[in-house]
C-alpha atoms as a PDB file:
ATOM      1  CA  MET A   1     -18.416 -17.583  -2.546  1.00  0.00           C
ATOM      2  CA  SER A   2     -15.883 -14.615  -2.976  1.00  0.00           C
ATOM      3  CA  ARG A   3     -14.654 -12.942  -5.975  1.00  0.00           C
ATOM      4  CA  PRO A   4     -10.814 -12.536  -6.009  1.00  0.00           C
ATOM      5  CA  ASP A   5     -11.453  -8.782  -7.088  1.00  0.00           C
ATOM      6  CA  VAL A   6     -12.713  -7.779  -4.426  1.00  0.00           C
ATOM      7  CA  PRO A   7     -10.104  -7.286  -1.346  1.00  0.00           C
ATOM      8  CA  MET A   8     -11.242  -8.907   2.389  1.00  0.00           C
ATOM      9  CA  PRO A   9     -11.090  -6.426   4.712  1.00  0.00           C
ATOM     10  CA  HIS A  10      -8.584  -6.702   7.726  1.00  0.00           C
ATOM     11  CA  SER A  11      -9.482  -7.855  10.953  1.00  0.00           C
ATOM     12  CA  PRO A  12      -9.667  -5.682  13.581  1.00  0.00           C
ATOM     13  CA  ALA A  13      -6.297  -7.761  15.457  1.00  0.00           C
ATOM     14  CA  TRP A  14      -3.980  -6.856  12.321  1.00  0.00           C
ATOM     15  CA  LEU A  15      -5.113  -3.612  12.332  1.00  0.00           C
ATOM     16  CA  ALA A  16      -3.798  -3.013  16.233  1.00  0.00           C
ATOM     17  CA  GLN A  17      -1.132  -5.151  15.458  1.00  0.00           C
ATOM     18  CA  VAL A  18      -0.034  -2.636  13.272  1.00  0.00           C
ATOM     19  CA  TRP A  19      -0.699   0.571  15.014  1.00  0.00           C
ATOM     20  CA  ILE A  20       0.786  -0.594  17.945  1.00  0.00           C
ATOM     21  CA  SER A  21       3.791  -1.686  15.911  1.00  0.00           C
ATOM     22  CA  PHE A  22       4.348   1.159  14.211  1.00  0.00           C
ATOM     23  CA  VAL A  23       3.907   3.812  17.441  1.00  0.00           C
ATOM     24  CA  ALA A  24       5.930   1.627  19.491  1.00  0.00           C
ATOM     25  CA  SER A  25       8.718   1.627  16.999  1.00  0.00           C
ATOM     26  CA  VAL A  26       8.617   5.238  16.061  1.00  0.00           C
ATOM     27  CA  GLY A  27       8.653   5.912  19.420  1.00  0.00           C
ATOM     28  CA  VAL A  28      11.281   3.647  21.024  1.00  0.00           C
ATOM     29  CA  THR A  29      13.416   5.227  18.371  1.00  0.00           C
ATOM     30  CA  ALA A  30      12.850   8.591  19.438  1.00  0.00           C
ATOM     31  CA  VAL A  31      13.662   7.637  23.302  1.00  0.00           C
ATOM     32  CA  GLY A  32      16.768   5.908  21.857  1.00  0.00           C
ATOM     33  CA  ILE A  33      17.798   9.131  20.311  1.00  0.00           C
ATOM     34  CA  TYR A  34      16.350  11.612  23.462  1.00  0.00           C
ATOM     35  CA  TYR A  35      18.872   9.656  25.748  1.00  0.00           C
ATOM     36  CA  LEU A  36      21.944   9.145  23.452  1.00  0.00           C
ATOM     37  CA  PRO A  37      24.975  10.959  25.403  1.00  0.00           C
ATOM     38  CA  VAL A  38      25.765  13.154  22.422  1.00  0.00           C
ATOM     39  CA  ASP A  39      25.212  16.934  21.745  1.00  0.00           C
ATOM     40  CA  ALA A  40      21.815  18.608  20.847  1.00  0.00           C
ATOM     41  CA  TRP A  41      22.388  18.984  17.280  1.00  0.00           C
ATOM     42  CA  VAL A  42      23.469  15.380  16.600  1.00  0.00           C
ATOM     43  CA  ARG A  43      20.211  14.235  18.353  1.00  0.00           C
ATOM     44  CA  ALA A  44      18.419  16.919  16.206  1.00  0.00           C
ATOM     45  CA  PHE A  45      19.701  15.027  13.131  1.00  0.00           C
ATOM     46  CA  LEU A  46      19.176  11.791  14.280  1.00  0.00           C
ATOM     47  CA  GLY A  47      15.544  13.096  15.150  1.00  0.00           C
ATOM     48  CA  MET A  48      15.203  14.669  11.351  1.00  0.00           C
ATOM     49  CA  GLY A  49      16.089  11.827  10.229  1.00  0.00           C
ATOM     50  CA  LEU A  50      13.379   9.300  11.931  1.00  0.00           C
ATOM     51  CA  LEU A  51      10.817  12.195  11.197  1.00  0.00           C
ATOM     52  CA  PHE A  52      12.019  12.180   7.365  1.00  0.00           C
ATOM     53  CA  THR A  53      12.148   7.850   7.358  1.00  0.00           C
ATOM     54  CA  VAL A  54       8.795   7.712   8.591  1.00  0.00           C
ATOM     55  CA  GLY A  55       7.289   9.984   6.020  1.00  0.00           C
ATOM     56  CA  SER A  56       9.411   8.733   2.897  1.00  0.00           C
ATOM     57  CA  THR A  57       8.187   5.215   3.866  1.00  0.00           C
ATOM     58  CA  SER A  58       4.684   6.372   4.375  1.00  0.00           C
ATOM     59  CA  SER A  59       5.115   7.925   0.488  1.00  0.00           C
ATOM     60  CA  LEU A  60       6.112   4.650  -1.042  1.00  0.00           C
ATOM     61  CA  SER A  61       3.717   2.655   0.185  1.00  0.00           C
ATOM     62  CA  LYS A  62       0.678   4.771  -0.989  1.00  0.00           C
ATOM     63  CA  THR A  63       2.550   5.219  -4.253  1.00  0.00           C
ATOM     64  CA  VAL A  64       3.257   1.106  -4.670  1.00  0.00           C
ATOM     65  CA  ARG A  65      -0.603   0.809  -3.111  1.00  0.00           C
ATOM     66  CA  ASP A  66      -1.888   2.674  -6.579  1.00  0.00           C
ATOM     67  CA  GLN A  67       0.509   1.826  -9.004  1.00  0.00           C
ATOM     68  CA  TYR A  68      -1.162  -2.091  -8.225  1.00  0.00           C
ATOM     69  CA  GLU A  69      -4.018  -0.808  -8.235  1.00  0.00           C
ATOM     70  CA  ALA A  70      -3.728   1.104 -11.163  1.00  0.00           C
ATOM     71  CA  GLN A  71      -2.737  -1.998 -12.775  1.00  0.00           C
ATOM     72  CA  ARG A  72      -5.317  -4.147 -11.297  1.00  0.00           C
ATOM     73  CA  PHE A  73      -8.203  -1.276 -12.807  1.00  0.00           C
ATOM     74  CA  THR A  74      -6.664  -1.927 -16.238  1.00  0.00           C
ATOM     75  CA  ALA A  75      -6.598  -5.455 -16.013  1.00  0.00           C
ATOM     76  CA  ARG A  76     -10.179  -5.364 -15.656  1.00  0.00           C
ATOM     77  CA  ILE A  77     -10.954  -3.126 -18.876  1.00  0.00           C
ATOM     78  CA  ASP A  78      -9.333  -5.371 -20.793  1.00  0.00           C
ATOM     79  CA  GLU A  79     -10.887  -8.339 -19.278  1.00  0.00           C
ATOM     80  CA  ALA A  80     -14.247  -6.607 -20.086  1.00  0.00           C
ATOM     81  CA  ARG A  81     -13.438  -6.011 -23.068  1.00  0.00           C
ATOM     82  CA  VAL A  82     -12.316  -9.253 -23.881  1.00  0.00           C
ATOM     83  CA  HIS A  83     -15.585 -10.575 -22.402  1.00  0.00           C
ATOM     84  CA  ARG A  84     -17.676  -7.946 -24.852  1.00  0.00           C
ATOM     85  CA  LEU A  85     -15.959  -9.716 -27.895  1.00  0.00           C
ATOM     86  CA  ILE A  86     -16.409 -12.659 -26.929  1.00  0.00           C
ATOM     87  CA  ALA A  87     -20.167 -11.847 -26.286  1.00  0.00           C
ATOM     88  CA  GLU A  88     -20.619 -10.632 -29.273  1.00  0.00           C
ATOM     89  CA  HIS A  89     -18.988 -13.348 -31.058  1.00  0.00           C
ATOM     90  CA  ASP A  90     -21.169 -15.605 -32.930  1.00  0.00           C
ATOM     91  CA  PRO A  91     -19.467 -17.961 -35.206  1.00  0.00           C
ATOM     92  CA  LEU A  92     -23.218 -19.042 -37.240  1.00  0.00           C
ATOM     93  CA  LYS A  93     -23.523 -15.581 -38.554  1.00  0.00           C
ATOM     94  CA  PRO A  94     -22.957 -15.703 -41.780  1.00  0.00           C
ATOM     95  CA  GLU A  95     -20.087 -13.186 -43.049  1.00  0.00           C
ATOM     96  CA  GLY A  96     -21.077 -10.387 -45.302  1.00  0.00           C
END
């Protein structure tokens, strides 16, 4: 039985598809920029834009993942507190 709080590892096929897709998209875009019939400064500007887009995308994806994991961790702490309170509660225990 799998636990919902333990993520399943990615399959090798999925990892290969993700990396191939990333390398192909950046590579094809870079080749397209290189062969554009424009001045070198325009190609340099577009190349810098491509690099900044890739860098900011990876930073954004890491930030979103970190926020998700922090929320999950906080939820697990709250859940543990509730379980402890329920375990400590004895409705038959006399008051006082």
